[in-house]
Amino acid sequence: MASRVKPKMLGSSKGKVVKRAVLAPQQTGPIFSRLTVVWVTEGGIPFNTTGFFARLSRGNTIVSTASFDRFGVVRFNNVTTLTTATFTLRIFRSSDGALFRTRTIPSGVETFAVIG
């Protein structure tokens, strides 16, 4: 699995404690139970993906095909998370089958963002 880094905080170094909070128990499993992919602009805004679908494969074997909703999201109902394999994701336009993007999704994820 890829190593993950914690995000750096950007902002003023002048801070103060507003209220002390009791920490909630740590999340022990994934929030999303099925592999979810979002297609967003470089600014992080989801594309209007009406009329697009995605195909997930391992090698030459197609694992799943699903349609995007209009908010840039596609969910593969038969792929549980955290994923245990590396997948190839291909995004197509439904009207003519034109291939728009190809990405590799690593193992050990529950969501994946296609940027651009």
Protein backbone atom coordinates (compact mmCIF):
# COMPACT_ATOMS: atom_id res chain seq x y z
CA MET A 1 0.00 0.00 0.00
CA ALA A 2 1.07 3.57 -0.62
CA SER A 3 2.14 5.53 2.43
CA ARG A 4 -0.16 8.36 3.35
CA VAL A 5 0.91 11.72 4.72
CA LYS A 6 -1.09 14.01 6.96
CA PRO A 7 -2.19 17.33 5.45
CA LYS A 8 -0.30 20.45 6.45
CA MET A 9 -2.27 23.23 8.04
CA LEU A 10 -2.15 26.49 6.14
CA GLY A 11 -3.12 29.67 7.84
CA SER A 12 -2.20 32.00 10.61
CA SER A 13 0.16 30.86 13.32
CA LYS A 14 -1.79 33.04 15.74
CA GLY A 15 -4.35 30.70 17.19
CA LYS A 16 -6.23 30.18 20.39
CA VAL A 17 -8.28 27.42 21.92
CA VAL A 18 -11.95 28.25 21.53
CA LYS A 19 -13.32 25.15 23.22
CA ARG A 20 -11.74 21.92 24.33
CA ALA A 21 -13.52 18.90 22.94
CA VAL A 22 -13.54 15.28 23.93
CA LEU A 23 -12.13 13.23 21.06
CA ALA A 24 -14.54 10.78 19.50
CA PRO A 25 -13.46 7.16 19.11
CA GLN A 26 -11.29 6.54 16.05
CA GLN A 27 -12.93 5.22 12.89
CA THR A 28 -12.12 1.50 12.66
CA GLY A 29 -13.26 0.78 9.12
CA PRO A 30 -14.10 2.46 5.84
CA ILE A 31 -16.96 4.96 5.62
CA PHE A 32 -17.86 3.91 2.08
CA SER A 33 -18.64 0.20 1.76
CA ARG A 34 -18.34 0.17 -2.05
CA LEU A 35 -15.63 1.65 -4.29
CA THR A 36 -16.63 5.21 -5.15
CA VAL A 37 -14.99 7.39 -7.80
CA VAL A 38 -15.39 11.17 -8.20
CA TRP A 39 -14.41 13.04 -11.36
CA VAL A 40 -13.45 16.63 -10.56
CA THR A 41 -11.83 19.68 -12.13
CA GLU A 42 -8.33 20.73 -11.11
CA GLY A 43 -10.07 23.12 -8.70
CA GLY A 44 -11.91 20.22 -7.02
CA ILE A 45 -15.34 20.99 -8.51
CA PRO A 46 -17.22 17.87 -9.68
CA PHE A 47 -17.94 17.68 -13.40
CA ASN A 48 -21.48 17.30 -14.71
CA THR A 49 -21.08 13.67 -15.76
CA THR A 50 -24.51 13.05 -17.23
CA GLY A 51 -23.96 10.66 -20.13
CA PHE A 52 -20.71 9.08 -18.91
CA PHE A 53 -19.92 5.61 -17.62
CA ALA A 54 -16.86 3.93 -16.13
CA ARG A 55 -15.41 0.48 -16.57
CA LEU A 56 -13.25 -1.14 -13.91
CA SER A 57 -10.89 -3.96 -14.88
CA ARG A 58 -8.01 -6.11 -13.65
CA GLY A 59 -5.74 -7.10 -16.48
CA ASN A 60 -7.99 -8.14 -19.37
CA THR A 61 -10.95 -8.98 -17.11
CA ILE A 62 -13.78 -6.47 -16.72
CA VAL A 63 -14.79 -6.37 -13.06
CA SER A 64 -17.63 -3.84 -13.22
CA THR A 65 -19.30 -1.18 -15.35
CA ALA A 66 -21.39 1.62 -13.85
CA SER A 67 -22.90 4.95 -14.92
CA PHE A 68 -21.93 8.27 -13.40
CA ASP A 69 -24.63 10.36 -11.79
CA ARG A 70 -24.82 14.01 -12.82
CA PHE A 71 -22.69 15.08 -9.84
CA GLY A 72 -19.42 13.45 -10.92
CA VAL A 73 -19.83 10.27 -8.87
CA VAL A 74 -19.83 6.61 -9.88
CA ARG A 75 -20.14 3.70 -7.43
CA PHE A 76 -19.13 0.14 -8.18
CA ASN A 77 -21.61 -1.93 -6.17
CA ASN A 78 -19.73 -5.21 -6.52
CA VAL A 79 -16.33 -3.87 -5.32
CA THR A 80 -16.06 -3.71 -1.54
CA THR A 81 -13.65 -1.46 0.31
CA LEU A 82 -10.90 -1.25 1.28
CA THR A 83 -9.91 -2.59 -2.11
CA THR A 84 -7.61 -5.60 -2.14
CA ALA A 85 -6.37 -5.29 -5.73
CA THR A 86 -5.13 -2.70 -8.20
CA PHE A 87 -7.72 -1.73 -10.84
CA THR A 88 -7.68 0.09 -14.16
CA LEU A 89 -10.45 2.66 -14.48
CA ARG A 90 -11.60 3.83 -17.90
CA ILE A 91 -14.17 6.61 -18.35
CA PHE A 92 -16.27 6.72 -21.51
CA ARG A 93 -18.94 8.98 -23.03
CA SER A 94 -22.14 6.95 -23.37
CA SER A 95 -23.35 8.46 -26.65
CA ASP A 96 -20.45 7.29 -28.81
CA GLY A 97 -18.20 5.20 -26.52
CA ALA A 98 -15.31 7.70 -26.72
CA LEU A 99 -12.63 7.05 -24.09
CA PHE A 100 -12.03 10.17 -21.96
CA ARG A 101 -9.70 9.08 -19.13
CA THR A 102 -7.71 6.06 -17.97
CA ARG A 103 -6.41 5.85 -14.41
CA THR A 104 -4.93 3.19 -12.13
CA ILE A 105 -6.63 2.75 -8.74
CA PRO A 106 -4.25 1.26 -6.15
CA SER A 107 -5.25 -1.34 -3.60
CA GLY A 108 -6.26 -0.26 -0.11
CA VAL A 109 -8.67 2.56 -1.02
CA GLU A 110 -12.38 3.25 -0.59
CA THR A 111 -12.64 6.35 -2.79
CA PHE A 112 -10.67 7.67 -5.75
CA ALA A 113 -10.65 11.08 -7.46
CA VAL A 114 -10.02 11.54 -11.16
CA ILE A 115 -8.68 15.10 -11.51
CA GLY A 116 -9.14 16.85 -14.81
